[in-house]
N, C-alpha and C. Protein backbone atom coordinates (compact mmCIF):
# COMPACT_ATOMS: atom_id res chain seq x y z
N MET A 1 -29.27 31.51 1.64
CA MET A 1 -28.41 31.08 0.57
C MET A 1 -29.25 30.87 -0.69
N LYS A 2 -28.83 31.42 -1.78
CA LYS A 2 -29.54 31.33 -3.06
C LYS A 2 -29.35 29.95 -3.66
N ASN A 3 -30.43 29.40 -4.21
CA ASN A 3 -30.37 28.09 -4.85
C ASN A 3 -29.58 28.19 -6.14
N GLN A 4 -28.62 27.30 -6.31
CA GLN A 4 -27.82 27.24 -7.53
C GLN A 4 -28.31 26.07 -8.38
N PRO A 5 -28.89 26.36 -9.56
CA PRO A 5 -29.33 25.26 -10.41
C PRO A 5 -28.14 24.49 -10.96
N ILE A 6 -28.38 23.24 -11.29
CA ILE A 6 -27.30 22.44 -11.87
C ILE A 6 -27.21 22.74 -13.36
N ALA A 7 -26.09 22.41 -13.98
CA ALA A 7 -25.89 22.65 -15.41
C ALA A 7 -26.90 21.84 -16.23
N CYS A 8 -27.28 22.40 -17.37
CA CYS A 8 -28.29 21.77 -18.23
C CYS A 8 -27.89 20.35 -18.64
N GLU A 9 -26.62 20.14 -19.00
CA GLU A 9 -26.22 18.80 -19.44
C GLU A 9 -26.32 17.78 -18.31
N LEU A 10 -26.12 18.21 -17.07
CA LEU A 10 -26.27 17.30 -15.93
C LEU A 10 -27.75 17.02 -15.68
N HIS A 11 -28.57 18.04 -15.85
CA HIS A 11 -30.02 17.89 -15.70
C HIS A 11 -30.53 16.84 -16.70
N ASP A 12 -29.96 16.85 -17.91
CA ASP A 12 -30.35 15.89 -18.94
C ASP A 12 -30.14 14.44 -18.48
N TYR A 13 -29.03 14.18 -17.78
CA TYR A 13 -28.77 12.82 -17.30
C TYR A 13 -29.82 12.39 -16.27
N ILE A 14 -30.24 13.31 -15.44
CA ILE A 14 -31.28 12.99 -14.45
C ILE A 14 -32.59 12.71 -15.17
N GLU A 15 -32.90 13.49 -16.18
CA GLU A 15 -34.13 13.27 -16.95
C GLU A 15 -34.09 11.89 -17.64
N ILE A 16 -32.94 11.53 -18.19
CA ILE A 16 -32.80 10.21 -18.83
C ILE A 16 -33.02 9.11 -17.80
N ALA A 17 -32.43 9.25 -16.62
CA ALA A 17 -32.59 8.24 -15.56
C ALA A 17 -34.06 8.08 -15.19
N CYS A 18 -34.79 9.18 -15.13
CA CYS A 18 -36.23 9.11 -14.80
C CYS A 18 -37.02 8.50 -15.95
N MET A 19 -36.73 8.92 -17.17
CA MET A 19 -37.46 8.46 -18.34
C MET A 19 -37.36 6.93 -18.48
N PHE A 20 -36.19 6.38 -18.23
CA PHE A 20 -35.98 4.94 -18.38
C PHE A 20 -36.13 4.18 -17.06
N GLY A 21 -36.41 4.89 -15.97
CA GLY A 21 -36.60 4.24 -14.68
C GLY A 21 -35.36 3.53 -14.17
N TYR A 22 -34.19 4.16 -14.40
CA TYR A 22 -32.93 3.55 -13.97
C TYR A 22 -32.87 3.44 -12.44
N ARG A 23 -32.24 2.37 -12.00
CA ARG A 23 -31.85 2.27 -10.59
C ARG A 23 -30.54 3.04 -10.48
N VAL A 24 -30.45 3.92 -9.50
CA VAL A 24 -29.27 4.78 -9.37
C VAL A 24 -28.74 4.76 -7.94
N LYS A 25 -27.47 5.09 -7.84
CA LYS A 25 -26.81 5.31 -6.55
C LYS A 25 -26.34 6.76 -6.59
N LEU A 26 -26.78 7.54 -5.61
CA LEU A 26 -26.42 8.96 -5.54
C LEU A 26 -25.47 9.19 -4.38
N MET A 27 -24.36 9.85 -4.64
CA MET A 27 -23.47 10.31 -3.59
C MET A 27 -23.77 11.79 -3.40
N LEU A 28 -24.08 12.17 -2.16
CA LEU A 28 -24.51 13.54 -1.87
C LEU A 28 -23.44 14.34 -1.15
N THR A 29 -23.62 15.65 -1.12
CA THR A 29 -22.61 16.54 -0.53
C THR A 29 -22.37 16.26 0.94
N GLU A 30 -23.36 15.85 1.68
CA GLU A 30 -23.16 15.60 3.11
C GLU A 30 -22.69 14.17 3.38
N HIS A 31 -22.00 13.56 2.39
CA HIS A 31 -21.42 12.22 2.49
C HIS A 31 -22.48 11.16 2.75
N ARG A 32 -23.66 11.39 2.23
CA ARG A 32 -24.75 10.44 2.34
C ARG A 32 -24.90 9.73 1.00
N ILE A 33 -25.37 8.51 1.03
CA ILE A 33 -25.62 7.74 -0.20
C ILE A 33 -27.09 7.36 -0.21
N VAL A 34 -27.72 7.56 -1.37
CA VAL A 34 -29.11 7.19 -1.56
C VAL A 34 -29.18 6.31 -2.80
N GLU A 35 -29.90 5.19 -2.68
CA GLU A 35 -30.06 4.28 -3.82
C GLU A 35 -31.53 4.00 -4.04
N GLY A 36 -31.89 3.82 -5.30
CA GLY A 36 -33.27 3.49 -5.64
C GLY A 36 -33.55 3.77 -7.10
N LYS A 37 -34.80 3.70 -7.47
CA LYS A 37 -35.23 3.93 -8.84
C LYS A 37 -35.54 5.41 -9.04
N ALA A 38 -34.95 6.01 -10.09
CA ALA A 38 -35.24 7.40 -10.42
C ALA A 38 -36.66 7.47 -10.97
N VAL A 39 -37.50 8.32 -10.37
CA VAL A 39 -38.91 8.36 -10.71
C VAL A 39 -39.29 9.66 -11.43
N ASP A 40 -38.89 10.79 -10.88
CA ASP A 40 -39.37 12.07 -11.41
C ASP A 40 -38.51 13.21 -10.88
N ILE A 41 -38.66 14.36 -11.51
CA ILE A 41 -38.04 15.61 -11.03
C ILE A 41 -39.19 16.53 -10.65
N VAL A 42 -39.11 17.09 -9.45
CA VAL A 42 -40.14 18.04 -9.01
C VAL A 42 -39.48 19.36 -8.62
N THR A 43 -40.21 20.44 -8.86
CA THR A 43 -39.75 21.77 -8.51
C THR A 43 -40.69 22.32 -7.44
N GLU A 44 -40.11 22.79 -6.35
CA GLU A 44 -40.92 23.35 -5.27
C GLU A 44 -41.17 24.83 -5.53
N GLN A 45 -42.03 25.40 -4.75
CA GLN A 45 -42.43 26.79 -4.91
C GLN A 45 -41.24 27.76 -4.84
N ASP A 46 -40.22 27.41 -4.06
CA ASP A 46 -39.04 28.27 -3.94
C ASP A 46 -38.02 28.02 -5.05
N LYS A 47 -38.41 27.23 -6.07
CA LYS A 47 -37.61 26.94 -7.27
C LYS A 47 -36.54 25.88 -7.07
N ARG A 48 -36.45 25.27 -5.88
CA ARG A 48 -35.50 24.18 -5.68
C ARG A 48 -36.02 22.95 -6.41
N GLU A 49 -35.09 22.22 -7.06
CA GLU A 49 -35.46 21.02 -7.81
C GLU A 49 -35.00 19.78 -7.06
N PHE A 50 -35.82 18.74 -7.13
CA PHE A 50 -35.56 17.49 -6.43
C PHE A 50 -35.75 16.32 -7.37
N LEU A 51 -34.92 15.30 -7.18
CA LEU A 51 -35.09 14.01 -7.85
C LEU A 51 -35.87 13.12 -6.89
N VAL A 52 -36.96 12.56 -7.37
CA VAL A 52 -37.75 11.63 -6.57
C VAL A 52 -37.18 10.24 -6.79
N ILE A 53 -36.78 9.59 -5.71
CA ILE A 53 -36.19 8.26 -5.73
C ILE A 53 -37.13 7.30 -4.99
N ASP A 54 -37.35 6.13 -5.57
CA ASP A 54 -38.18 5.11 -4.93
C ASP A 54 -37.27 3.96 -4.49
N SER A 55 -37.13 3.81 -3.19
CA SER A 55 -36.33 2.71 -2.64
C SER A 55 -37.19 1.93 -1.64
N GLY A 56 -38.42 1.69 -2.04
CA GLY A 56 -39.38 1.07 -1.14
C GLY A 56 -40.35 2.12 -0.63
N GLU A 57 -39.85 3.30 -0.44
CA GLU A 57 -40.66 4.48 -0.16
C GLU A 57 -40.03 5.63 -0.94
N ARG A 58 -40.84 6.59 -1.32
CA ARG A 58 -40.33 7.70 -2.13
C ARG A 58 -39.71 8.77 -1.25
N GLN A 59 -38.59 9.29 -1.74
CA GLN A 59 -37.93 10.39 -1.05
C GLN A 59 -37.43 11.38 -2.09
N LYS A 60 -37.30 12.62 -1.68
CA LYS A 60 -36.81 13.66 -2.57
C LYS A 60 -35.37 14.01 -2.22
N VAL A 61 -34.54 14.12 -3.26
CA VAL A 61 -33.13 14.49 -3.10
C VAL A 61 -32.91 15.77 -3.89
N GLU A 62 -32.46 16.81 -3.21
CA GLU A 62 -32.23 18.09 -3.89
C GLU A 62 -31.11 17.94 -4.91
N LEU A 63 -31.38 18.37 -6.15
CA LEU A 63 -30.41 18.20 -7.23
C LEU A 63 -29.08 18.87 -6.93
N SER A 64 -29.10 20.01 -6.28
CA SER A 64 -27.85 20.73 -5.98
C SER A 64 -26.98 20.01 -4.95
N LYS A 65 -27.52 18.98 -4.30
CA LYS A 65 -26.77 18.21 -3.30
C LYS A 65 -26.08 16.98 -3.89
N ILE A 66 -26.38 16.66 -5.17
CA ILE A 66 -25.81 15.46 -5.78
C ILE A 66 -24.37 15.73 -6.23
N VAL A 67 -23.45 14.88 -5.78
CA VAL A 67 -22.05 14.96 -6.18
C VAL A 67 -21.78 14.01 -7.35
N GLU A 68 -22.36 12.81 -7.28
CA GLU A 68 -22.16 11.82 -8.34
C GLU A 68 -23.39 10.93 -8.42
N MET A 69 -23.71 10.49 -9.64
CA MET A 69 -24.80 9.56 -9.86
C MET A 69 -24.27 8.39 -10.68
N GLU A 70 -24.44 7.17 -10.14
CA GLU A 70 -24.06 5.95 -10.84
C GLU A 70 -25.33 5.19 -11.18
N THR A 71 -25.38 4.61 -12.37
CA THR A 71 -26.52 3.77 -12.72
C THR A 71 -26.24 2.33 -12.31
N ARG A 72 -27.28 1.67 -11.85
CA ARG A 72 -27.21 0.28 -11.44
C ARG A 72 -28.02 -0.61 -12.38
N THR A 73 -28.55 -0.01 -13.44
CA THR A 73 -29.37 -0.73 -14.41
C THR A 73 -28.48 -1.24 -15.55
N PRO A 74 -28.49 -2.54 -15.81
CA PRO A 74 -27.70 -3.08 -16.92
C PRO A 74 -28.12 -2.45 -18.25
N GLY A 75 -27.13 -2.13 -19.10
CA GLY A 75 -27.40 -1.56 -20.41
C GLY A 75 -27.80 -0.10 -20.41
N ALA A 76 -27.59 0.59 -19.28
CA ALA A 76 -27.95 2.01 -19.19
C ALA A 76 -27.14 2.84 -20.18
N LYS A 77 -27.67 3.97 -20.56
CA LYS A 77 -27.02 4.84 -21.56
C LYS A 77 -25.80 5.56 -21.00
N PHE A 78 -25.61 5.53 -19.69
CA PHE A 78 -24.42 6.08 -19.05
C PHE A 78 -24.18 5.30 -17.76
N GLN A 79 -22.97 5.38 -17.25
CA GLN A 79 -22.61 4.62 -16.04
C GLN A 79 -22.46 5.51 -14.81
N SER A 80 -21.68 6.57 -14.94
CA SER A 80 -21.38 7.42 -13.79
C SER A 80 -21.19 8.86 -14.26
N ILE A 81 -21.84 9.78 -13.55
CA ILE A 81 -21.73 11.20 -13.88
C ILE A 81 -21.35 11.96 -12.63
N ARG A 82 -20.29 12.78 -12.74
CA ARG A 82 -19.86 13.66 -11.63
C ARG A 82 -20.55 15.00 -11.77
N PHE A 83 -21.14 15.48 -10.71
CA PHE A 83 -21.83 16.75 -10.73
C PHE A 83 -20.97 17.89 -10.18
N LYS A 84 -20.01 17.57 -9.30
CA LYS A 84 -19.17 18.63 -8.70
C LYS A 84 -17.74 18.22 -8.76
């Protein structure tokens, strides 16, 4: 299956979350929820992009799997973004 990149405007929200270190709640396609601090975006050799989340330990979440991202940081520049 070919990797489908997310839309540029959605990518911008992830970059903002990382830049300001927002605490986020991610709802994923497989009905999983991940919460933690947005740290960075990494691209693997096969061109898949991941959001690095720190929730006590760092984990990578594939951007194409994110359905919705909510910020948990007071005063954040956005509250909730739907990806799909």
